[in-house]
C-alpha cells in the first residue's frame, strides 16, 4: 500500500527553516527601521537649522533665539513635541533638544576670570541621550559651510554647551579645517567620544551632543 505525507524529521526541518527566516526577517526589519529613524532625524535637524538661519539671518542677530520662541515661530516640526505644553522638542531616542546663543568665559593675561562673551551671529543646538551609533553618525556627518564646530562632552549639570571658548578646537569640540581636531570627526575619534558618552548613560544632567552654527 502506498502512503503519502511527511516524516517528523521533514516537518522539523521545515519549522527550523521558517524559524531562521523569521529571525532574519525581524533582524532585517529592525535594522531598516533604525536606519529610517536615523535618516529622518538627520533630515529633521537639517530642516531646523535651515529654518533658524532663514528666520534670524535677516536681522543678523541671534537675539531672542531660545526654545520658547523657536516653538512659537514653528521652526521645529510639531510631532517632535511629545509634551504639547513643553518648549523642548524630543528626538526619537527620548532626549530633549535645546536652542540658544552660546557664551564663553574670558580671562586676562594672568589667567584671571574677567567675564563672559556671547557673539551676535552664532547659535547652538544641543541634545542628550543619543545612542552610540546615532552619536557617531552625527559627529561624522557633513553639516555644511555654516558649521562652526560640534562635539560631545560631559558638561556636568548643564545640557547647554556654554562656558568654553568655541574658537578653539579640542578632543570634545571639532572645527572644520582644524589641523588637530577637524570636523567632521573621523570614525575612530567619533567612536571614542560616543563610547564614553554611552558609558556615562546620556543622563539629562550628563553627556551633551552639540553644534555651533553661524547665521
N, C-alpha and C. Protein backbone atom coordinates (compact mmCIF):
# COMPACT_ATOMS: atom_id res chain seq x y z
N UNK A 1 0.85 -1.19 0.00
CA UNK A 1 0.00 0.00 0.00
C UNK A 1 0.89 1.24 0.00
N UNK A 2 0.61 2.18 -0.92
CA UNK A 2 1.36 3.41 -0.99
C UNK A 2 0.87 4.39 0.08
N UNK A 3 1.80 5.10 0.71
CA UNK A 3 1.46 6.10 1.70
C UNK A 3 2.05 7.45 1.30
N UNK A 4 1.33 8.55 1.60
CA UNK A 4 1.83 9.89 1.31
C UNK A 4 1.88 10.69 2.60
N UNK A 5 2.68 11.78 2.61
CA UNK A 5 2.80 12.62 3.80
C UNK A 5 4.25 12.95 4.07
N UNK A 6 4.50 13.55 5.22
CA UNK A 6 5.85 13.96 5.59
C UNK A 6 6.24 13.31 6.91
N UNK A 7 7.52 13.00 7.00
CA UNK A 7 8.01 12.43 8.25
C UNK A 7 8.21 13.53 9.28
N UNK A 8 8.35 13.13 10.52
CA UNK A 8 8.57 14.10 11.60
C UNK A 8 9.86 14.87 11.36
N UNK A 9 10.89 14.20 10.84
CA UNK A 9 12.17 14.86 10.59
C UNK A 9 12.00 15.96 9.54
N UNK A 10 11.22 15.67 8.50
CA UNK A 10 10.99 16.67 7.45
C UNK A 10 10.22 17.87 8.00
N UNK A 11 9.21 17.61 8.82
CA UNK A 11 8.42 18.70 9.40
C UNK A 11 9.30 19.58 10.29
N UNK A 12 10.13 18.94 11.11
CA UNK A 12 11.03 19.69 11.97
C UNK A 12 12.02 20.53 11.16
N UNK A 13 12.46 19.97 10.03
CA UNK A 13 13.37 20.71 9.16
C UNK A 13 12.71 21.94 8.59
N UNK A 14 11.44 21.79 8.16
CA UNK A 14 10.70 22.94 7.62
C UNK A 14 10.51 24.00 8.69
N UNK A 15 10.14 23.57 9.91
CA UNK A 15 9.95 24.52 11.00
C UNK A 15 11.25 25.26 11.34
N UNK A 16 12.37 24.53 11.28
CA UNK A 16 13.66 25.16 11.56
C UNK A 16 13.98 26.23 10.52
N UNK A 17 13.70 25.92 9.26
CA UNK A 17 13.93 26.90 8.18
C UNK A 17 13.06 28.13 8.37
N UNK A 18 11.78 27.89 8.70
CA UNK A 18 10.87 29.01 8.94
C UNK A 18 11.37 29.88 10.10
N UNK A 19 11.86 29.22 11.15
CA UNK A 19 12.38 29.96 12.31
C UNK A 19 13.56 30.83 11.94
N UNK A 20 14.48 30.27 11.15
CA UNK A 20 15.66 31.03 10.74
C UNK A 20 15.26 32.23 9.89
N UNK A 21 14.33 31.99 8.94
CA UNK A 21 13.87 33.08 8.08
C UNK A 21 13.15 34.17 8.88
N UNK A 22 12.40 33.73 9.89
CA UNK A 22 11.67 34.70 10.72
C UNK A 22 12.63 35.59 11.50
N UNK A 23 13.64 34.94 12.11
CA UNK A 23 14.64 35.71 12.86
C UNK A 23 15.38 36.68 11.95
N UNK A 24 15.74 36.18 10.77
CA UNK A 24 16.42 37.04 9.81
C UNK A 24 15.55 38.19 9.35
N UNK A 25 14.26 37.90 9.16
CA UNK A 25 13.33 38.95 8.74
C UNK A 25 13.16 40.00 9.80
N UNK A 26 13.03 39.57 11.06
CA UNK A 26 12.88 40.52 12.17
C UNK A 26 14.13 41.38 12.31
N UNK A 27 15.31 40.74 12.20
CA UNK A 27 16.56 41.49 12.30
C UNK A 27 16.68 42.50 11.17
N UNK A 28 16.32 42.07 9.96
CA UNK A 28 16.38 42.98 8.82
C UNK A 28 15.41 44.14 8.96
N UNK A 29 14.21 43.85 9.48
CA UNK A 29 13.21 44.90 9.69
C UNK A 29 13.69 45.90 10.75
N UNK A 30 14.26 45.38 11.83
CA UNK A 30 14.76 46.25 12.90
C UNK A 30 15.87 47.15 12.39
N UNK A 31 16.77 46.59 11.58
CA UNK A 31 17.87 47.37 11.02
C UNK A 31 17.34 48.45 10.08
N UNK A 32 16.35 48.09 9.27
CA UNK A 32 15.78 49.05 8.33
C UNK A 32 15.07 50.18 9.08
N UNK A 33 14.33 49.83 10.14
CA UNK A 33 13.62 50.85 10.92
C UNK A 33 14.60 51.76 11.64
N UNK A 34 15.70 51.20 12.14
CA UNK A 34 16.72 52.01 12.81
C UNK A 34 17.34 53.00 11.82
N UNK A 35 17.66 52.52 10.63
CA UNK A 35 18.23 53.40 9.61
C UNK A 35 17.23 54.48 9.21
N UNK A 36 15.96 54.11 9.14
CA UNK A 36 14.92 55.09 8.81
C UNK A 36 14.85 56.18 9.88
N UNK A 37 14.91 55.79 11.16
CA UNK A 37 14.86 56.77 12.24
C UNK A 37 16.06 57.71 12.19
N UNK A 38 17.25 57.16 11.91
CA UNK A 38 18.45 57.99 11.84
C UNK A 38 18.34 58.97 10.68
N UNK A 39 17.91 58.48 9.51
CA UNK A 39 17.78 59.35 8.34
C UNK A 39 16.73 60.43 8.57
N UNK A 40 15.62 60.05 9.20
CA UNK A 40 14.56 61.02 9.49
C UNK A 40 15.07 62.08 10.45
N UNK A 41 15.80 61.66 11.48
CA UNK A 41 16.33 62.59 12.46
C UNK A 41 17.32 63.55 11.80
N UNK A 42 18.19 63.03 10.95
CA UNK A 42 19.16 63.88 10.25
C UNK A 42 18.44 64.91 9.38
N UNK A 43 17.41 64.47 8.66
CA UNK A 43 16.64 65.39 7.83
C UNK A 43 15.94 66.46 8.68
N UNK A 44 15.38 66.04 9.82
CA UNK A 44 14.72 66.99 10.72
C UNK A 44 15.70 68.06 11.18
N UNK A 45 16.89 67.65 11.58
CA UNK A 45 17.87 68.61 12.08
C UNK A 45 18.33 69.55 10.97
N UNK A 46 18.53 69.03 9.78
CA UNK A 46 18.91 69.90 8.66
C UNK A 46 17.83 70.94 8.38
N UNK A 47 16.57 70.52 8.44
CA UNK A 47 15.47 71.46 8.20
C UNK A 47 15.37 72.50 9.31
N UNK A 48 15.56 72.08 10.56
CA UNK A 48 15.50 73.01 11.68
C UNK A 48 16.63 74.05 11.56
N UNK A 49 17.82 73.59 11.24
CA UNK A 49 18.95 74.50 11.07
C UNK A 49 18.66 75.53 9.97
N UNK A 50 18.12 75.05 8.85
CA UNK A 50 17.79 75.95 7.74
C UNK A 50 16.70 76.94 8.16
N UNK A 51 15.71 76.48 8.92
CA UNK A 51 14.63 77.36 9.38
C UNK A 51 15.17 78.46 10.30
N UNK A 52 16.06 78.09 11.21
CA UNK A 52 16.62 79.08 12.14
C UNK A 52 17.44 80.12 11.37
N UNK A 53 18.27 79.67 10.46
CA UNK A 53 19.09 80.61 9.70
C UNK A 53 18.23 81.52 8.84
N UNK A 54 17.16 80.99 8.28
CA UNK A 54 16.28 81.82 7.45
C UNK A 54 15.53 82.84 8.31
N UNK A 55 15.13 82.45 9.52
CA UNK A 55 14.31 83.33 10.37
C UNK A 55 15.13 84.40 11.07
N UNK A 56 16.37 84.07 11.47
CA UNK A 56 17.19 85.02 12.22
C UNK A 56 18.28 85.66 11.36
N UNK A 57 18.50 85.13 10.18
CA UNK A 57 19.56 85.65 9.33
C UNK A 57 19.33 87.09 8.89
N UNK A 58 18.08 87.45 8.64
CA UNK A 58 17.78 88.80 8.16
C UNK A 58 18.18 89.87 9.17
N UNK A 59 17.98 89.58 10.46
CA UNK A 59 18.33 90.55 11.49
C UNK A 59 19.79 90.44 11.91
N UNK A 60 20.49 89.41 11.37
CA UNK A 60 21.91 89.19 11.64
C UNK A 60 22.21 89.17 13.13
N UNK A 61 21.29 88.59 13.87
CA UNK A 61 21.45 88.50 15.31
C UNK A 61 20.66 87.32 15.84
N UNK A 62 21.19 86.68 16.87
CA UNK A 62 20.50 85.56 17.49
C UNK A 62 19.69 86.01 18.70
N UNK A 63 19.51 87.31 18.85
CA UNK A 63 18.71 87.81 19.97
C UNK A 63 17.29 87.23 19.89
N UNK A 64 16.84 86.67 20.99
CA UNK A 64 15.52 86.06 21.02
C UNK A 64 15.49 84.61 20.58
N UNK A 65 16.65 84.05 20.27
CA UNK A 65 16.69 82.65 19.83
C UNK A 65 16.76 81.77 21.08
N UNK A 66 15.64 81.17 21.43
CA UNK A 66 15.56 80.25 22.55
C UNK A 66 14.44 79.25 22.30
N UNK A 67 14.31 78.28 23.17
CA UNK A 67 13.33 77.22 22.94
C UNK A 67 11.90 77.75 22.86
N UNK A 68 11.57 78.69 23.71
CA UNK A 68 10.20 79.22 23.71
C UNK A 68 9.86 79.88 22.39
N UNK A 69 10.75 80.73 21.89
CA UNK A 69 10.47 81.43 20.64
C UNK A 69 10.58 80.52 19.42
N UNK A 70 11.48 79.55 19.48
CA UNK A 70 11.59 78.59 18.39
C UNK A 70 10.26 77.86 18.20
N UNK A 71 9.62 77.51 19.32
CA UNK A 71 8.33 76.83 19.24
C UNK A 71 7.25 77.76 18.72
N UNK A 72 7.20 78.99 19.23
CA UNK A 72 6.20 79.95 18.79
C UNK A 72 6.30 80.24 17.29
N UNK A 73 7.50 80.26 16.78
CA UNK A 73 7.74 80.57 15.37
C UNK A 73 7.53 79.36 14.47
N UNK A 74 7.30 78.18 15.05
CA UNK A 74 7.04 76.98 14.26
C UNK A 74 8.24 76.49 13.48
N UNK A 75 9.44 76.65 14.05
CA UNK A 75 10.65 76.26 13.34
C UNK A 75 11.01 74.79 13.54
N UNK A 76 10.30 74.12 14.44
CA UNK A 76 10.51 72.70 14.71
C UNK A 76 9.21 71.94 14.43
N UNK A 77 9.27 70.79 13.76
CA UNK A 77 8.04 70.01 13.49
C UNK A 77 7.25 69.74 14.77
N UNK A 78 5.94 69.89 14.69
CA UNK A 78 5.09 69.73 15.87
C UNK A 78 5.19 68.33 16.47
N UNK A 79 5.41 67.32 15.63
CA UNK A 79 5.44 65.95 16.15
C UNK A 79 6.68 65.67 17.00
N UNK A 80 7.62 66.60 17.06
CA UNK A 80 8.80 66.43 17.90
C UNK A 80 8.53 66.88 19.34
N UNK A 81 7.37 67.49 19.57
CA UNK A 81 6.99 67.89 20.93
C UNK A 81 6.10 66.80 21.52
N UNK A 82 6.70 65.89 22.26
CA UNK A 82 5.94 64.79 22.85
C UNK A 82 4.98 65.31 23.92
N UNK A 83 5.42 66.34 24.63
CA UNK A 83 4.56 67.03 25.59
C UNK A 83 4.17 68.37 24.96
N UNK A 84 2.92 68.53 24.60
CA UNK A 84 2.47 69.71 23.88
C UNK A 84 2.63 70.99 24.69
N UNK A 85 2.75 70.86 26.03
CA UNK A 85 2.91 72.04 26.88
C UNK A 85 4.38 72.39 27.10
N UNK A 86 5.28 71.57 26.59
CA UNK A 86 6.70 71.80 26.79
C UNK A 86 7.30 72.59 25.63
N UNK A 87 8.32 73.39 25.94
CA UNK A 87 9.05 74.12 24.90
C UNK A 87 10.23 73.31 24.36
N UNK A 88 10.41 72.10 24.87
CA UNK A 88 11.58 71.31 24.49
C UNK A 88 11.18 70.12 23.62
N UNK A 89 11.52 70.18 22.34
CA UNK A 89 11.25 69.02 21.47
C UNK A 89 12.13 67.84 21.87
N UNK A 90 11.72 66.65 21.46
CA UNK A 90 12.47 65.44 21.76
C UNK A 90 12.82 64.70 20.47
N UNK A 91 13.99 64.08 20.47
CA UNK A 91 14.34 63.25 19.32
C UNK A 91 13.80 61.84 19.54
N UNK A 92 14.00 60.98 18.57
CA UNK A 92 13.38 59.65 18.57
C UNK A 92 13.87 58.74 19.68
N UNK A 93 14.97 59.10 20.35
CA UNK A 93 15.52 58.24 21.39
C UNK A 93 15.27 58.81 22.79
N UNK A 94 14.38 59.80 22.88
CA UNK A 94 13.90 60.26 24.18
C UNK A 94 14.62 61.44 24.80
N UNK A 95 15.67 61.95 24.16
CA UNK A 95 16.38 63.10 24.70
C UNK A 95 15.74 64.41 24.27
N UNK A 96 16.00 65.47 25.03
CA UNK A 96 15.47 66.79 24.70
C UNK A 96 16.47 67.58 23.87
N UNK A 97 15.94 68.55 23.10
CA UNK A 97 16.75 69.38 22.21
C UNK A 97 16.66 70.82 22.70
N UNK A 98 17.81 71.50 22.75
CA UNK A 98 17.90 72.86 23.27
C UNK A 98 18.46 73.80 22.20
N UNK A 99 17.99 75.05 22.21
CA UNK A 99 18.45 76.06 21.26
C UNK A 99 18.82 77.33 22.03
N UNK A 100 19.81 78.06 21.53
CA UNK A 100 20.14 79.31 22.19
C UNK A 100 21.39 79.96 21.64
N UNK A 101 21.80 81.05 22.29
CA UNK A 101 23.02 81.76 21.95
C UNK A 101 24.12 81.35 22.92
N UNK A 102 25.27 80.92 22.44
CA UNK A 102 26.33 80.45 23.33
C UNK A 102 27.12 81.60 23.96
N UNK A 103 27.86 81.29 24.97
CA UNK A 103 28.82 82.23 25.53
C UNK A 103 30.06 81.47 25.95
N UNK A 104 31.16 82.16 26.12
CA UNK A 104 32.32 81.50 26.70
C UNK A 104 32.97 82.44 27.71
N UNK A 105 33.69 81.86 28.63
CA UNK A 105 34.36 82.62 29.68
C UNK A 105 35.60 83.31 29.13
N UNK A 106 35.88 84.51 29.61
CA UNK A 106 37.06 85.25 29.19
C UNK A 106 38.00 85.44 30.38
N UNK A 107 39.31 85.52 30.06
CA UNK A 107 40.34 85.64 31.09
C UNK A 107 41.39 86.65 30.64
N UNK A 108 42.05 87.28 31.60
CA UNK A 108 43.12 88.20 31.25
C UNK A 108 44.42 87.44 31.05
N UNK A 109 45.52 88.18 30.81
CA UNK A 109 46.80 87.54 30.51
C UNK A 109 47.34 86.73 31.68
N UNK A 110 46.87 87.04 32.86
CA UNK A 110 47.32 86.31 34.05
C UNK A 110 46.42 85.11 34.39
N UNK A 111 45.42 84.88 33.55
CA UNK A 111 44.53 83.76 33.77
C UNK A 111 43.38 84.03 34.70
N UNK A 112 43.16 85.29 35.03
CA UNK A 112 42.06 85.65 35.91
C UNK A 112 40.76 85.80 35.12
N UNK A 113 39.69 85.26 35.66
CA UNK A 113 38.38 85.34 35.01
C UNK A 113 37.90 86.78 34.92
N UNK A 114 37.50 87.20 33.72
CA UNK A 114 37.06 88.58 33.52
C UNK A 114 35.60 88.71 33.11
N UNK A 115 34.93 87.60 32.86
CA UNK A 115 33.52 87.67 32.47
C UNK A 115 33.19 86.67 31.37
N UNK A 116 32.12 86.95 30.67
CA UNK A 116 31.70 86.08 29.57
C UNK A 116 31.48 86.91 28.32
N UNK A 117 31.55 86.22 27.19
CA UNK A 117 31.32 86.88 25.91
C UNK A 117 30.37 86.04 25.08
N UNK A 118 29.39 86.68 24.44
CA UNK A 118 28.43 85.99 23.58
C UNK A 118 28.32 86.74 22.26
N UNK A 119 28.62 86.10 21.13
CA UNK A 119 28.54 86.77 19.83
C UNK A 119 27.09 86.94 19.38
N UNK A 120 26.91 87.79 18.39
CA UNK A 120 25.56 88.07 17.90
C UNK A 120 25.10 87.12 16.80
N UNK A 121 26.05 86.44 16.17
CA UNK A 121 25.71 85.71 14.95
C UNK A 121 25.96 84.21 15.03
N UNK A 122 26.01 83.65 16.25
CA UNK A 122 26.24 82.22 16.42
C UNK A 122 25.14 81.65 17.31
N UNK A 123 24.63 80.48 16.95
CA UNK A 123 23.66 79.80 17.80
C UNK A 123 24.08 78.35 18.00
N UNK A 124 23.57 77.75 19.05
CA UNK A 124 23.86 76.35 19.31
C UNK A 124 22.58 75.53 19.26
N UNK A 125 22.76 74.26 18.97
CA UNK A 125 21.72 73.25 19.14
C UNK A 125 22.37 72.13 19.93
N UNK A 126 21.74 71.71 21.02
CA UNK A 126 22.32 70.64 21.82
C UNK A 126 21.24 69.64 22.22
N UNK A 127 21.66 68.46 22.61
CA UNK A 127 20.71 67.41 23.00
C UNK A 127 21.42 66.36 23.83
N UNK A 128 20.66 65.51 24.48
CA UNK A 128 21.23 64.43 25.26
C UNK A 128 20.59 63.11 24.88
N UNK A 129 21.14 62.02 25.43
CA UNK A 129 20.58 60.68 25.29
C UNK A 129 20.54 60.15 23.86
N UNK A 130 21.55 60.44 23.08
CA UNK A 130 21.65 59.81 21.77
C UNK A 130 22.38 58.48 21.92
N UNK A 131 21.89 57.39 21.30
CA UNK A 131 22.63 56.13 21.32
C UNK A 131 23.98 56.28 20.63
N UNK A 132 24.88 55.39 20.95
CA UNK A 132 26.25 55.49 20.43
C UNK A 132 26.29 55.57 18.91
N UNK A 133 25.56 54.69 18.23
CA UNK A 133 25.61 54.66 16.77
C UNK A 133 25.08 55.95 16.16
N UNK A 134 24.06 56.52 16.76
CA UNK A 134 23.49 57.77 16.25
C UNK A 134 24.46 58.92 16.53
N UNK A 135 25.05 58.90 17.71
CA UNK A 135 26.07 59.89 18.05
C UNK A 135 27.18 59.88 17.01
N UNK A 136 27.65 58.71 16.63
CA UNK A 136 28.72 58.59 15.64
C UNK A 136 28.28 59.11 14.28
N UNK A 137 27.03 58.81 13.92
CA UNK A 137 26.51 59.31 12.65
C UNK A 137 26.49 60.83 12.63
N UNK A 138 26.08 61.45 13.74
CA UNK A 138 26.02 62.91 13.81
C UNK A 138 27.41 63.53 13.74
N UNK A 139 28.37 62.94 14.46
CA UNK A 139 29.71 63.51 14.51
C UNK A 139 30.48 63.35 13.21
N UNK A 140 30.16 62.34 12.42
CA UNK A 140 30.88 62.09 11.17
C UNK A 140 30.16 62.65 9.95
N UNK A 141 29.01 63.30 10.17
CA UNK A 141 28.25 63.87 9.05
C UNK A 141 28.76 65.26 8.68
N UNK A 142 28.56 65.63 7.43
CA UNK A 142 28.91 66.97 6.96
C UNK A 142 27.69 67.88 7.13
N UNK A 143 27.79 68.89 8.00
CA UNK A 143 26.65 69.76 8.31
C UNK A 143 26.70 71.10 7.59
N UNK A 144 27.53 71.19 6.56
CA UNK A 144 27.51 72.38 5.71
C UNK A 144 28.52 73.44 6.11
N UNK A 145 28.62 74.47 5.28
CA UNK A 145 29.63 75.50 5.46
C UNK A 145 29.34 76.43 6.64
N UNK A 146 28.10 76.43 7.15
CA UNK A 146 27.77 77.30 8.28
C UNK A 146 28.17 76.70 9.62
N UNK A 147 28.61 75.44 9.62
CA UNK A 147 29.03 74.80 10.87
C UNK A 147 30.30 75.45 11.40
N UNK A 148 30.26 75.87 12.66
CA UNK A 148 31.43 76.45 13.31
C UNK A 148 32.17 75.39 14.10
N UNK A 149 31.44 74.47 14.69
CA UNK A 149 32.07 73.39 15.44
C UNK A 149 31.01 72.47 16.02
N UNK A 150 31.43 71.27 16.43
CA UNK A 150 30.49 70.33 17.03
C UNK A 150 31.26 69.35 17.90
N UNK A 151 30.54 68.73 18.82
CA UNK A 151 31.20 67.77 19.68
C UNK A 151 30.24 67.08 20.62
N UNK A 152 30.80 66.31 21.52
CA UNK A 152 30.04 65.63 22.56
C UNK A 152 30.91 65.60 23.79
N UNK A 153 30.33 65.93 24.94
CA UNK A 153 31.15 66.04 26.14
C UNK A 153 30.31 65.89 27.39
N UNK A 154 31.01 65.55 28.49
CA UNK A 154 30.37 65.55 29.79
C UNK A 154 30.38 66.98 30.30
N UNK A 155 29.22 67.59 30.40
CA UNK A 155 29.12 69.00 30.74
C UNK A 155 28.50 69.22 32.12
N UNK A 156 28.59 68.22 32.97
CA UNK A 156 28.07 68.38 34.32
C UNK A 156 26.57 68.53 34.34
N UNK A 157 26.07 69.52 35.07
CA UNK A 157 24.64 69.69 35.21
C UNK A 157 23.99 70.48 34.10
N UNK A 158 24.78 70.95 33.12
CA UNK A 158 24.21 71.80 32.07
C UNK A 158 23.98 71.01 30.79
N UNK A 159 22.78 71.10 30.19
CA UNK A 159 22.55 70.47 28.90
C UNK A 159 22.98 71.38 27.76
N UNK A 160 23.52 72.55 28.09
CA UNK A 160 23.87 73.56 27.10
C UNK A 160 25.39 73.68 27.00
N UNK A 161 25.96 73.70 25.79
CA UNK A 161 27.42 73.73 25.62
C UNK A 161 28.01 75.11 25.82
N UNK A 162 27.83 75.69 26.99
CA UNK A 162 28.35 77.02 27.28
C UNK A 162 29.57 76.96 28.18
N UNK A 163 30.28 78.08 28.26
CA UNK A 163 31.33 78.20 29.24
C UNK A 163 32.72 77.90 28.75
N UNK A 164 32.91 77.52 27.46
CA UNK A 164 34.25 77.31 26.96
C UNK A 164 34.39 77.99 25.60
N UNK A 165 35.62 78.23 25.20
CA UNK A 165 35.91 79.02 24.01
C UNK A 165 35.68 78.19 22.75
N UNK A 166 34.64 78.52 21.99
CA UNK A 166 34.35 77.77 20.77
C UNK A 166 35.26 78.17 19.61
N UNK A 167 36.19 79.09 19.85
CA UNK A 167 37.19 79.42 18.84
C UNK A 167 38.34 78.41 18.83
N UNK A 168 38.39 77.58 19.87
CA UNK A 168 39.50 76.64 20.00
C UNK A 168 38.98 75.21 19.92
N UNK A 169 39.52 74.44 18.99
CA UNK A 169 39.14 73.03 18.86
C UNK A 169 39.83 72.20 19.94
N UNK A 170 39.21 71.09 20.28
CA UNK A 170 39.76 70.18 21.27
C UNK A 170 39.23 68.78 20.98
N UNK A 171 39.57 67.82 21.82
CA UNK A 171 39.10 66.46 21.60
C UNK A 171 37.57 66.38 21.63
N UNK A 172 36.96 67.22 22.46
CA UNK A 172 35.50 67.17 22.59
C UNK A 172 34.80 68.21 21.71
N UNK A 173 35.58 68.97 20.93
CA UNK A 173 34.98 70.02 20.11
C UNK A 173 35.76 70.18 18.82
N UNK A 174 35.26 69.61 17.74
CA UNK A 174 35.95 69.65 16.45
C UNK A 174 35.48 70.84 15.62
N UNK A 175 36.40 71.41 14.85
CA UNK A 175 36.08 72.57 14.00
C UNK A 175 36.49 72.27 12.56
N UNK A 176 35.69 72.70 11.58
CA UNK A 176 36.06 72.48 10.18
C UNK A 176 37.42 73.10 9.86
N UNK A 177 38.28 72.32 9.25
CA UNK A 177 39.58 72.82 8.83
C UNK A 177 40.65 72.81 9.89
N UNK A 178 40.32 72.46 11.13
CA UNK A 178 41.33 72.44 12.18
C UNK A 178 42.32 71.30 11.93
N UNK A 179 43.61 71.59 12.15
CA UNK A 179 44.64 70.60 11.84
C UNK A 179 44.58 69.39 12.77
N UNK A 180 44.37 69.62 14.06
CA UNK A 180 44.40 68.53 15.03
C UNK A 180 43.03 67.92 15.31
N UNK A 181 41.99 68.75 15.28
CA UNK A 181 40.65 68.27 15.61
C UNK A 181 39.65 68.74 14.54
N UNK A 182 39.74 68.16 13.34
CA UNK A 182 38.85 68.61 12.25
C UNK A 182 37.44 68.04 12.37
N UNK A 183 36.49 68.82 11.91
CA UNK A 183 35.10 68.36 11.77
C UNK A 183 34.80 68.21 10.29
N UNK A 184 34.07 67.16 9.89
CA UNK A 184 33.51 66.10 10.73
C UNK A 184 34.61 65.24 11.39
N UNK A 185 34.21 64.54 12.45
CA UNK A 185 35.11 63.63 13.14
C UNK A 185 35.45 62.43 12.26
N UNK A 186 36.61 61.85 12.48
CA UNK A 186 36.90 60.55 11.89
C UNK A 186 36.10 59.49 12.65
N UNK A 187 35.92 58.33 12.04
CA UNK A 187 35.18 57.26 12.70
C UNK A 187 35.84 56.85 14.01
N UNK A 188 37.19 56.83 14.02
CA UNK A 188 37.90 56.42 15.23
C UNK A 188 37.67 57.39 16.38
N UNK A 189 37.77 58.69 16.11
CA UNK A 189 37.58 59.69 17.15
C UNK A 189 36.11 59.75 17.59
N UNK A 190 35.21 59.62 16.62
CA UNK A 190 33.78 59.64 16.95
C UNK A 190 33.42 58.45 17.84
N UNK A 191 33.99 57.28 17.53
CA UNK A 191 33.69 56.09 18.33
C UNK A 191 34.18 56.27 19.75
N UNK A 192 35.35 56.88 19.92
CA UNK A 192 35.91 57.09 21.25
C UNK A 192 35.02 58.03 22.07
N UNK A 193 34.64 59.17 21.47
CA UNK A 193 33.81 60.14 22.17
C UNK A 193 32.44 59.55 22.50
N UNK A 194 31.83 58.89 21.52
CA UNK A 194 30.46 58.39 21.72
C UNK A 194 30.43 57.18 22.64
N UNK A 195 31.51 56.40 22.67
CA UNK A 195 31.57 55.29 23.62
C UNK A 195 31.59 55.82 25.05
N UNK A 196 32.37 56.87 25.27
CA UNK A 196 32.41 57.49 26.59
C UNK A 196 31.02 58.03 26.96
N UNK A 197 30.35 58.59 25.96
CA UNK A 197 29.01 59.12 26.21
C UNK A 197 28.05 58.00 26.58
N UNK A 198 28.11 56.90 25.85
CA UNK A 198 27.22 55.78 26.12
C UNK A 198 27.50 55.19 27.49
N UNK A 199 28.78 55.08 27.86
CA UNK A 199 29.14 54.54 29.17
C UNK A 199 28.60 55.42 30.29
N UNK A 200 28.52 56.72 30.01
CA UNK A 200 28.02 57.65 31.02
C UNK A 200 26.50 57.59 31.15
N UNK A 201 25.84 56.97 30.17
CA UNK A 201 24.40 56.77 30.24
C UNK A 201 23.56 57.87 29.64
N UNK A 202 24.20 58.91 29.09
CA UNK A 202 23.46 60.00 28.46
C UNK A 202 22.36 60.54 29.38
N UNK A 203 22.67 60.67 30.66
CA UNK A 203 21.67 61.19 31.59
C UNK A 203 21.40 62.65 31.28
N UNK A 204 20.22 63.14 31.69
CA UNK A 204 19.83 64.51 31.38
C UNK A 204 20.77 65.52 32.01
N UNK A 205 21.52 65.12 33.03
CA UNK A 205 22.45 66.04 33.66
C UNK A 205 23.89 65.70 33.30
N UNK A 206 24.07 64.94 32.21
CA UNK A 206 25.41 64.48 31.88
C UNK A 206 25.85 64.81 30.48
N UNK A 207 26.03 63.78 29.65
CA UNK A 207 26.59 63.95 28.33
C UNK A 207 25.69 64.78 27.43
N UNK A 208 26.32 65.66 26.65
CA UNK A 208 25.59 66.51 25.72
C UNK A 208 26.24 66.45 24.35
N UNK A 209 25.41 66.32 23.33
CA UNK A 209 25.88 66.42 21.93
C UNK A 209 25.47 67.80 21.44
N UNK A 210 26.35 68.49 20.71
CA UNK A 210 26.03 69.87 20.35
C UNK A 210 26.68 70.30 19.04
N UNK A 211 26.03 71.31 18.41
CA UNK A 211 26.57 72.02 17.25
C UNK A 211 26.61 73.51 17.55
N UNK A 212 27.56 74.21 16.90
CA UNK A 212 27.53 75.67 16.78
C UNK A 212 27.40 76.02 15.31
N UNK A 213 26.47 76.90 14.99
CA UNK A 213 26.28 77.34 13.62
C UNK A 213 26.32 78.86 13.54
N UNK A 214 26.76 79.37 12.40
CA UNK A 214 26.69 80.80 12.13
C UNK A 214 25.45 81.12 11.33
N UNK A 215 24.95 82.34 11.50
CA UNK A 215 23.77 82.75 10.73
C UNK A 215 24.10 82.93 9.26
